[in-house]
């Protein structure tokens, strides 16, 4: 038996809307980690639900560089202040 056997789950499609630059950074990070965007988001959420950081120091450095590339200046402190542009 493998040390960490797979856990079978049922996945569904979602229709969530996210900030454009945030999605670009997430997609680039998923590509860097050779994983799907969905797998990345699942890992982030599961860690967050336990109050744990999902990223190593090396990955945080990659994220910092990707944020610069895609112009993502938003921070956690901005999370409750985001609003769609008028007309969107």
PDB file of N, CA and C in Angstrom:
ATOM      1  N   UNK A   1       0.847  -1.182   0.000  1.00  0.00           N
ATOM      2  CA  UNK A   1       0.000   0.000   0.000  1.00  0.00           C
ATOM      3  C   UNK A   1       0.888   1.240   0.000  1.00  0.00           C
ATOM      4  N   UNK A   2       0.599   2.214  -0.875  1.00  0.00           N
ATOM      5  CA  UNK A   2       1.419   3.430  -0.894  1.00  0.00           C
ATOM      6  C   UNK A   2       1.255   4.209   0.403  1.00  0.00           C
ATOM      7  N   UNK A   3       2.296   4.970   0.795  1.00  0.00           N
ATOM      8  CA  UNK A   3       2.237   5.703   2.063  1.00  0.00           C
ATOM      9  C   UNK A   3       1.115   6.734   2.116  1.00  0.00           C
ATOM     10  N   UNK A   4       0.764   7.331   0.986  1.00  0.00           N
ATOM     11  CA  UNK A   4      -0.305   8.337   0.925  1.00  0.00           C
ATOM     12  C   UNK A   4      -1.282   7.972  -0.196  1.00  0.00           C
ATOM     13  N   UNK A   5      -2.179   7.040   0.067  1.00  0.00           N
ATOM     14  CA  UNK A   5      -3.110   6.641  -0.994  1.00  0.00           C
ATOM     15  C   UNK A   5      -4.020   7.815  -1.384  1.00  0.00           C
ATOM     16  N   UNK A   6      -4.434   7.806  -2.645  1.00  0.00           N
ATOM     17  CA  UNK A   6      -5.326   8.854  -3.129  1.00  0.00           C
ATOM     18  C   UNK A   6      -6.661   8.801  -2.406  1.00  0.00           C
ATOM     19  N   UNK A   7      -7.280   9.952  -2.268  1.00  0.00           N
ATOM     20  CA  UNK A   7      -8.619  10.057  -1.693  1.00  0.00           C
ATOM     21  C   UNK A   7      -9.560  10.405  -2.831  1.00  0.00           C
ATOM     22  N   UNK A   8     -10.490   9.545  -3.089  1.00  0.00           N
ATOM     23  CA  UNK A   8     -11.445   9.775  -4.169  1.00  0.00           C
ATOM     24  C   UNK A   8     -12.464  10.825  -3.743  1.00  0.00           C
ATOM     25  N   UNK A   9     -12.678  11.838  -4.584  1.00  0.00           N
ATOM     26  CA  UNK A   9     -13.632  12.903  -4.294  1.00  0.00           C
ATOM     27  C   UNK A   9     -14.506  13.136  -5.521  1.00  0.00           C
ATOM     28  N   UNK A  10     -15.614  13.808  -5.318  1.00  0.00           N
ATOM     29  CA  UNK A  10     -16.476  14.211  -6.429  1.00  0.00           C
ATOM     30  C   UNK A  10     -16.292  15.708  -6.632  1.00  0.00           C
ATOM     31  N   UNK A  11     -15.851  16.083  -7.823  1.00  0.00           N
ATOM     32  CA  UNK A  11     -15.641  17.500  -8.129  1.00  0.00           C
ATOM     33  C   UNK A  11     -16.794  18.016  -8.975  1.00  0.00           C
ATOM     34  N   UNK A  12     -17.072  19.312  -8.820  1.00  0.00           N
ATOM     35  CA  UNK A  12     -18.135  19.958  -9.595  1.00  0.00           C
ATOM     36  C   UNK A  12     -17.582  21.211 -10.254  1.00  0.00           C
ATOM     37  N   UNK A  13     -18.236  21.651 -11.319  1.00  0.00           N
ATOM     38  CA  UNK A  13     -17.890  22.919 -11.958  1.00  0.00           C
ATOM     39  C   UNK A  13     -18.486  24.047 -11.139  1.00  0.00           C
ATOM     40  N   UNK A  14     -17.758  25.160 -11.049  1.00  0.00           N
ATOM     41  CA  UNK A  14     -18.265  26.320 -10.333  1.00  0.00           C
ATOM     42  C   UNK A  14     -18.306  27.506 -11.289  1.00  0.00           C
ATOM     43  N   UNK A  15     -19.009  28.517 -10.890  1.00  0.00           N
ATOM     44  CA  UNK A  15     -19.103  29.715 -11.704  1.00  0.00           C
ATOM     45  C   UNK A  15     -18.655  30.932 -10.925  1.00  0.00           C
ATOM     46  N   UNK A  16     -17.487  30.844 -10.308  1.00  0.00           N
ATOM     47  CA  UNK A  16     -17.032  31.970  -9.481  1.00  0.00           C
ATOM     48  C   UNK A  16     -16.352  33.024 -10.354  1.00  0.00           C
ATOM     49  N   UNK A  17     -16.427  34.272  -9.881  1.00  0.00           N
ATOM     50  CA  UNK A  17     -15.738  35.387 -10.538  1.00  0.00           C
ATOM     51  C   UNK A  17     -14.627  35.841  -9.612  1.00  0.00           C
ATOM     52  N   UNK A  18     -13.437  36.043 -10.186  1.00  0.00           N
ATOM     53  CA  UNK A  18     -12.279  36.484  -9.415  1.00  0.00           C
ATOM     54  C   UNK A  18     -11.621  37.664 -10.121  1.00  0.00           C
ATOM     55  N   UNK A  19     -10.878  38.434  -9.374  1.00  0.00           N
ATOM     56  CA  UNK A  19     -10.158  39.575  -9.934  1.00  0.00           C
ATOM     57  C   UNK A  19      -9.188  39.090 -11.007  1.00  0.00           C
ATOM     58  N   UNK A  20      -9.151  39.792 -12.119  1.00  0.00           N
ATOM     59  CA  UNK A  20      -8.419  39.364 -13.317  1.00  0.00           C
ATOM     60  C   UNK A  20      -6.930  39.096 -13.059  1.00  0.00           C
ATOM     61  N   UNK A  21      -6.245  40.012 -12.395  1.00  0.00           N
ATOM     62  CA  UNK A  21      -4.804  39.824 -12.158  1.00  0.00           C
ATOM     63  C   UNK A  21      -4.542  38.687 -11.179  1.00  0.00           C
ATOM     64  N   UNK A  22      -5.458  38.501 -10.235  1.00  0.00           N
ATOM     65  CA  UNK A  22      -5.338  37.391  -9.291  1.00  0.00           C
ATOM     66  C   UNK A  22      -5.402  36.057 -10.033  1.00  0.00           C
ATOM     67  N   UNK A  23      -6.310  35.954 -10.975  1.00  0.00           N
ATOM     68  CA  UNK A  23      -6.432  34.723 -11.771  1.00  0.00           C
ATOM     69  C   UNK A  23      -5.161  34.486 -12.576  1.00  0.00           C
ATOM     70  N   UNK A  24      -4.596  35.539 -13.145  1.00  0.00           N
ATOM     71  CA  UNK A  24      -3.357  35.384 -13.917  1.00  0.00           C
ATOM     72  C   UNK A  24      -2.232  34.837 -13.042  1.00  0.00           C
ATOM     73  N   UNK A  25      -2.101  35.375 -11.825  1.00  0.00           N
ATOM     74  CA  UNK A  25      -1.066  34.895 -10.912  1.00  0.00           C
ATOM     75  C   UNK A  25      -1.336  33.441 -10.519  1.00  0.00           C
ATOM     76  N   UNK A  26      -2.586  33.120 -10.215  1.00  0.00           N
ATOM     77  CA  UNK A  26      -2.924  31.740  -9.841  1.00  0.00           C
ATOM     78  C   UNK A  26      -2.640  30.763 -10.980  1.00  0.00           C
ATOM     79  N   UNK A  27      -3.027  31.126 -12.201  1.00  0.00           N
ATOM     80  CA  UNK A  27      -2.771  30.250 -13.355  1.00  0.00           C
ATOM     81  C   UNK A  27      -1.277  30.053 -13.571  1.00  0.00           C
ATOM     82  N   UNK A  28      -0.512  31.142 -13.465  1.00  0.00           N
ATOM     83  CA  UNK A  28       0.937  31.038 -13.653  1.00  0.00           C
ATOM     84  C   UNK A  28       1.569  30.184 -12.556  1.00  0.00           C
ATOM     85  N   UNK A  29       1.095  30.331 -11.328  1.00  0.00           N
ATOM     86  CA  UNK A  29       1.626  29.523 -10.227  1.00  0.00           C
ATOM     87  C   UNK A  29       1.277  28.052 -10.434  1.00  0.00           C
ATOM     88  N   UNK A  30       0.063  27.780 -10.851  1.00  0.00           N
ATOM     89  CA  UNK A  30      -0.330  26.394 -11.122  1.00  0.00           C
ATOM     90  C   UNK A  30       0.556  25.796 -12.211  1.00  0.00           C
ATOM     91  N   UNK A  31       0.809  26.570 -13.257  1.00  0.00           N
ATOM     92  CA  UNK A  31       1.691  26.100 -14.338  1.00  0.00           C
ATOM     93  C   UNK A  31       3.095  25.856 -13.796  1.00  0.00           C
ATOM     94  N   UNK A  32       3.597  26.762 -12.985  1.00  0.00           N
ATOM     95  CA  UNK A  32       4.929  26.611 -12.374  1.00  0.00           C
ATOM     96  C   UNK A  32       5.004  25.333 -11.542  1.00  0.00           C
ATOM     97  N   UNK A  33       3.919  25.022 -10.832  1.00  0.00           N
ATOM     98  CA  UNK A  33       3.880  23.837  -9.973  1.00  0.00           C
ATOM     99  C   UNK A  33       3.464  22.579 -10.730  1.00  0.00           C
ATOM    100  N   UNK A  34       3.188  22.728 -12.044  1.00  0.00           N
ATOM    101  CA  UNK A  34       2.755  21.603 -12.892  1.00  0.00           C
ATOM    102  C   UNK A  34       1.507  20.939 -12.314  1.00  0.00           C
ATOM    103  N   UNK A  35       0.512  21.785 -11.994  1.00  0.00           N
ATOM    104  CA  UNK A  35      -0.749  21.276 -11.475  1.00  0.00           C
ATOM    105  C   UNK A  35      -1.889  22.083 -12.084  1.00  0.00           C
ATOM    106  N   UNK A  36      -3.101  21.599 -11.918  1.00  0.00           N
ATOM    107  CA  UNK A  36      -4.241  22.334 -12.450  1.00  0.00           C
ATOM    108  C   UNK A  36      -4.581  23.494 -11.522  1.00  0.00           C
ATOM    109  N   UNK A  37      -5.262  24.473 -12.085  1.00  0.00           N
ATOM    110  CA  UNK A  37      -5.722  25.604 -11.286  1.00  0.00           C
ATOM    111  C   UNK A  37      -6.653  25.117 -10.172  1.00  0.00           C
ATOM    112  N   UNK A  38      -7.531  24.177 -10.486  1.00  0.00           N
ATOM    113  CA  UNK A  38      -8.437  23.635  -9.479  1.00  0.00           C
ATOM    114  C   UNK A  38      -7.706  22.966  -8.327  1.00  0.00           C
ATOM    115  N   UNK A  39      -6.678  22.174  -8.645  1.00  0.00           N
ATOM    116  CA  UNK A  39      -5.894  21.517  -7.599  1.00  0.00           C
ATOM    117  C   UNK A  39      -5.194  22.544  -6.713  1.00  0.00           C
ATOM    118  N   UNK A  40      -4.668  23.609  -7.328  1.00  0.00           N
ATOM    119  CA  UNK A  40      -4.012  24.659  -6.565  1.00  0.00           C
ATOM    120  C   UNK A  40      -4.993  25.329  -5.610  1.00  0.00           C
ATOM    121  N   UNK A  41      -6.155  25.705  -6.120  1.00  0.00           N
ATOM    122  CA  UNK A  41      -7.156  26.384  -5.290  1.00  0.00           C
ATOM    123  C   UNK A  41      -7.629  25.470  -4.159  1.00  0.00           C
ATOM    124  N   UNK A  42      -7.863  24.196  -4.462  1.00  0.00           N
ATOM    125  CA  UNK A  42      -8.265  23.252  -3.406  1.00  0.00           C
ATOM    126  C   UNK A  42      -7.222  23.210  -2.293  1.00  0.00           C
ATOM    127  N   UNK A  43      -5.951  23.133  -2.662  1.00  0.00           N
ATOM    128  CA  UNK A  43      -4.889  23.088  -1.659  1.00  0.00           C
ATOM    129  C   UNK A  43      -4.831  24.352  -0.823  1.00  0.00           C
ATOM    130  N   UNK A  44      -4.973  25.507  -1.481  1.00  0.00           N
ATOM    131  CA  UNK A  44      -4.954  26.777  -0.761  1.00  0.00           C
ATOM    132  C   UNK A  44      -6.096  26.831   0.246  1.00  0.00           C
ATOM    133  N   UNK A  45      -7.283  26.461  -0.189  1.00  0.00           N
ATOM    134  CA  UNK A  45      -8.468  26.527   0.687  1.00  0.00           C
ATOM    135  C   UNK A  45      -8.356  25.541   1.839  1.00  0.00           C
ATOM    136  N   UNK A  46      -7.938  24.310   1.573  1.00  0.00           N
ATOM    137  CA  UNK A  46      -7.814  23.329   2.650  1.00  0.00           C
ATOM    138  C   UNK A  46      -6.800  23.786   3.701  1.00  0.00           C
ATOM    139  N   UNK A  47      -5.689  24.369   3.265  1.00  0.00           N
ATOM    140  CA  UNK A  47      -4.719  24.910   4.225  1.00  0.00           C
ATOM    141  C   UNK A  47      -5.325  26.076   5.000  1.00  0.00           C
ATOM    142  N   UNK A  48      -5.998  26.987   4.306  1.00  0.00           N
ATOM    143  CA  UNK A  48      -6.597  28.154   4.961  1.00  0.00           C
ATOM    144  C   UNK A  48      -7.625  27.732   6.001  1.00  0.00           C
ATOM    145  N   UNK A  49      -8.421  26.708   5.704  1.00  0.00           N
ATOM    146  CA  UNK A  49      -9.433  26.240   6.648  1.00  0.00           C
ATOM    147  C   UNK A  49      -8.814  25.749   7.947  1.00  0.00           C
ATOM    148  N   UNK A  50      -7.543  25.336   7.901  1.00  0.00           N
ATOM    149  CA  UNK A  50      -6.839  24.881   9.103  1.00  0.00           C
ATOM    150  C   UNK A  50      -5.910  25.950   9.661  1.00  0.00           C
ATOM    151  N   UNK A  51      -5.953  27.161   9.090  1.00  0.00           N
ATOM    152  CA  UNK A  51      -5.108  28.240   9.561  1.00  0.00           C
ATOM    153  C   UNK A  51      -3.639  28.036   9.249  1.00  0.00           C
ATOM    154  N   UNK A  52      -3.344  27.287   8.195  1.00  0.00           N
ATOM    155  CA  UNK A  52      -1.969  26.981   7.820  1.00  0.00           C
ATOM    156  C   UNK A  52      -1.617  27.678   6.516  1.00  0.00           C
ATOM    157  N   UNK A  53      -0.361  28.015   6.349  1.00  0.00           N
ATOM    158  CA  UNK A  53       0.097  28.585   5.089  1.00  0.00           C
ATOM    159  C   UNK A  53       0.295  27.457   4.077  1.00  0.00           C
ATOM    160  N   UNK A  54      -0.235  27.616   2.863  1.00  0.00           N
ATOM    161  CA  UNK A  54      -0.079  26.560   1.868  1.00  0.00           C
ATOM    162  C   UNK A  54       1.246  26.608   1.113  1.00  0.00           C
ATOM    163  N   UNK A  55       2.069  27.647   1.363  1.00  0.00           N
ATOM    164  CA  UNK A  55       3.238  27.854   0.520  1.00  0.00           C
ATOM    165  C   UNK A  55       4.545  27.840   1.301  1.00  0.00           C
ATOM    166  N   UNK A  56       5.556  27.253   0.684  1.00  0.00           N
ATOM    167  CA  UNK A  56       6.913  27.295   1.233  1.00  0.00           C
ATOM    168  C   UNK A  56       7.499  28.684   0.965  1.00  0.00           C
ATOM    169  N   UNK A  57       8.630  28.974   1.575  1.00  0.00           N
ATOM    170  CA  UNK A  57       9.303  30.253   1.342  1.00  0.00           C
ATOM    171  C   UNK A  57       9.680  30.412  -0.131  1.00  0.00           C
ATOM    172  N   UNK A  58      10.126  29.328  -0.764  1.00  0.00           N
ATOM    173  CA  UNK A  58      10.495  29.387  -2.185  1.00  0.00           C
ATOM    174  C   UNK A  58       9.277  29.721  -3.048  1.00  0.00           C
ATOM    175  N   UNK A  59       8.141  29.114  -2.744  1.00  0.00           N
ATOM    176  CA  UNK A  59       6.933  29.383  -3.512  1.00  0.00           C
ATOM    177  C   UNK A  59       6.446  30.812  -3.282  1.00  0.00           C
ATOM    178  N   UNK A  60       6.571  31.304  -2.077  1.00  0.00           N
ATOM    179  CA  UNK A  60       6.187  32.692  -1.796  1.00  0.00           C
ATOM    180  C   UNK A  60       7.042  33.651  -2.618  1.00  0.00           C
ATOM    181  N   UNK A  61       8.310  33.318  -2.821  1.00  0.00           N
ATOM    182  CA  UNK A  61       9.171  34.143  -3.672  1.00  0.00           C
ATOM    183  C   UNK A  61       8.692  34.116  -5.124  1.00  0.00           C
ATOM    184  N   UNK A  62       8.290  32.945  -5.600  1.00  0.00           N
ATOM    185  CA  UNK A  62       7.738  32.836  -6.961  1.00  0.00           C
ATOM    186  C   UNK A  62       6.477  33.685  -7.068  1.00  0.00           C
ATOM    187  N   UNK A  63       5.610  33.611  -6.073  1.00  0.00           N
ATOM    188  CA  UNK A  63       4.374  34.393  -6.077  1.00  0.00           C
ATOM    189  C   UNK A  63       4.688  35.887  -6.103  1.00  0.00           C
ATOM    190  N   UNK A  64       5.663  36.310  -5.328  1.00  0.00           N
ATOM    191  CA  UNK A  64       6.058  37.718  -5.313  1.00  0.00           C
ATOM    192  C   UNK A  64       6.458  38.179  -6.713  1.00  0.00           C
ATOM    193  N   UNK A  65       7.249  37.358  -7.406  1.00  0.00           N
ATOM    194  CA  UNK A  65       7.675  37.716  -8.764  1.00  0.00           C
ATOM    195  C   UNK A  65       6.493  37.718  -9.726  1.00  0.00           C
ATOM    196  N   UNK A  66       5.595  36.755  -9.609  1.00  0.00           N
ATOM    197  CA  UNK A  66       4.423  36.714 -10.483  1.00  0.00           C
ATOM    198  C   UNK A  66       3.511  37.914 -10.236  1.00  0.00           C
ATOM    199  N   UNK A  67       3.367  38.315  -8.984  1.00  0.00           N
ATOM    200  CA  UNK A  67       2.559  39.500  -8.667  1.00  0.00           C
ATOM    201  C   UNK A  67       3.130  40.732  -9.352  1.00  0.00           C
ATOM    202  N   UNK A  68       4.453  40.853  -9.364  1.00  0.00           N
ATOM    203  CA  UNK A  68       5.093  41.981 -10.047  1.00  0.00           C
ATOM    204  C   UNK A  68       4.847  41.918 -11.550  1.00  0.00           C
ATOM    205  N   UNK A  69       5.004  40.743 -12.127  1.00  0.00           N
ATOM    206  CA  UNK A  69       4.809  40.569 -13.569  1.00  0.00           C
ATOM    207  C   UNK A  69       3.401  40.965 -13.985  1.00  0.00           C
ATOM    208  N   UNK A  70       2.401  40.546 -13.219  1.00  0.00           N
ATOM    209  CA  UNK A  70       1.004  40.781 -13.584  1.00  0.00           C
ATOM    210  C   UNK A  70       0.395  42.011 -12.906  1.00  0.00           C
ATOM    211  N   UNK A  71       1.205  42.771 -12.192  1.00  0.00           N
ATOM    212  CA  UNK A  71       0.725  44.015 -11.600  1.00  0.00           C
ATOM    213  C   UNK A  71      -0.312  43.832 -10.509  1.00  0.00           C
ATOM    214  N   UNK A  72      -0.222  42.740  -9.775  1.00  0.00           N
ATOM    215  CA  UNK A  72      -1.177  42.475  -8.693  1.00  0.00           C
ATOM    216  C   UNK A  72      -0.684  43.143  -7.416  1.00  0.00           C
ATOM    217  N   UNK A  73      -1.274  44.280  -7.095  1.00  0.00           N
ATOM    218  CA  UNK A  73      -0.887  45.035  -5.913  1.00  0.00           C
ATOM    219  C   UNK A  73      -1.872  44.865  -4.762  1.00  0.00           C
ATOM    220  N   UNK A  74      -2.948  44.130  -4.975  1.00  0.00           N
ATOM    221  CA  UNK A  74      -3.938  43.914  -3.920  1.00  0.00           C
ATOM    222  C   UNK A  74      -3.325  43.084  -2.799  1.00  0.00           C
ATOM    223  N   UNK A  75      -3.816  43.318  -1.578  1.00  0.00           N
ATOM    224  CA  UNK A  75      -3.348  42.552  -0.426  1.00  0.00           C
ATOM    225  C   UNK A  75      -4.543  41.948   0.303  1.00  0.00           C
ATOM    226  N   UNK A  76      -4.269  41.134   1.297  1.00  0.00           N
ATOM    227  CA  UNK A  76      -5.345  40.538   2.096  1.00  0.00           C
ATOM    228  C   UNK A  76      -6.213  41.621   2.720  1.00  0.00           C
ATOM    229  N   UNK A  77      -5.605  42.732   3.080  1.00  0.00           N
ATOM    230  CA  UNK A  77      -6.359  43.835   3.666  1.00  0.00           C
ATOM    231  C   UNK A  77      -7.381  44.446   2.712  1.00  0.00           C
ATOM    232  N   UNK A  78      -7.191  44.229   1.423  1.00  0.00           N
ATOM    233  CA  UNK A  78      -8.135  44.753   0.423  1.00  0.00           C
ATOM    234  C   UNK A  78      -9.323  43.828   0.200  1.00  0.00           C
ATOM    235  N   UNK A  79      -9.292  42.629   0.733  1.00  0.00           N
ATOM    236  CA  UNK A  79     -10.258  41.592   0.357  1.00  0.00           C
ATOM    237  C   UNK A  79     -11.718  41.961   0.615  1.00  0.00           C
ATOM    238  N   UNK A  80     -11.985  42.770   1.607  1.00  0.00           N
ATOM    239  CA  UNK A  80     -13.381  43.130   1.902  1.00  0.00           C
ATOM    240  C   UNK A  80     -13.783  44.462   1.283  1.00  0.00           C
ATOM    241  N   UNK A  81     -12.902  45.023   0.448  1.00  0.00           N
ATOM    242  CA  UNK A  81     -13.189  46.314  -0.168  1.00  0.00           C
ATOM    243  C   UNK A  81     -13.316  46.220  -1.682  1.00  0.00           C
ATOM    244  N   UNK A  82     -13.205  45.040  -2.259  1.00  0.00           N
ATOM    245  CA  UNK A  82     -13.232  44.879  -3.709  1.00  0.00           C
ATOM    246  C   UNK A  82     -14.649  45.036  -4.237  1.00  0.00           C
ATOM    247  N   UNK A  83     -14.787  45.773  -5.331  1.00  0.00           N
ATOM    248  CA  UNK A  83     -16.089  45.970  -5.970  1.00  0.00           C
ATOM    249  C   UNK A  83     -15.873  45.950  -7.477  1.00  0.00           C
ATOM    250  N   UNK A  84     -16.865  45.450  -8.200  1.00  0.00           N
ATOM    251  CA  UNK A  84     -16.787  45.447  -9.655  1.00  0.00           C
ATOM    252  C   UNK A  84     -16.800  46.874 -10.179  1.00  0.00           C
ATOM    253  N   UNK A  85     -16.106  47.099 -11.285  1.00  0.00           N
ATOM    254  CA  UNK A  85     -16.187  48.401 -11.943  1.00  0.00           C
ATOM    255  C   UNK A  85     -17.609  48.611 -12.420  1.00  0.00           C
ATOM    256  N   UNK A  86     -18.019  49.836 -12.462  1.00  0.00           N
ATOM    257  CA  UNK A  86     -19.386  50.140 -12.913  1.00  0.00           C
ATOM    258  C   UNK A  86     -19.586  49.641 -14.336  1.00  0.00           C
ATOM    259  N   UNK A  87     -20.763  49.086 -14.557  1.00  0.00           N
ATOM    260  CA  UNK A  87     -21.095  48.588 -15.882  1.00  0.00           C
ATOM    261  C   UNK A  87     -20.642  47.166 -16.142  1.00  0.00           C
ATOM    262  N   UNK A  88     -20.026  46.521 -15.162  1.00  0.00           N
ATOM    263  CA  UNK A  88     -19.566  45.137 -15.369  1.00  0.00           C
ATOM    264  C   UNK A  88     -20.380  44.178 -14.551  1.00  0.00           C
TER     265      UNK A  88
END
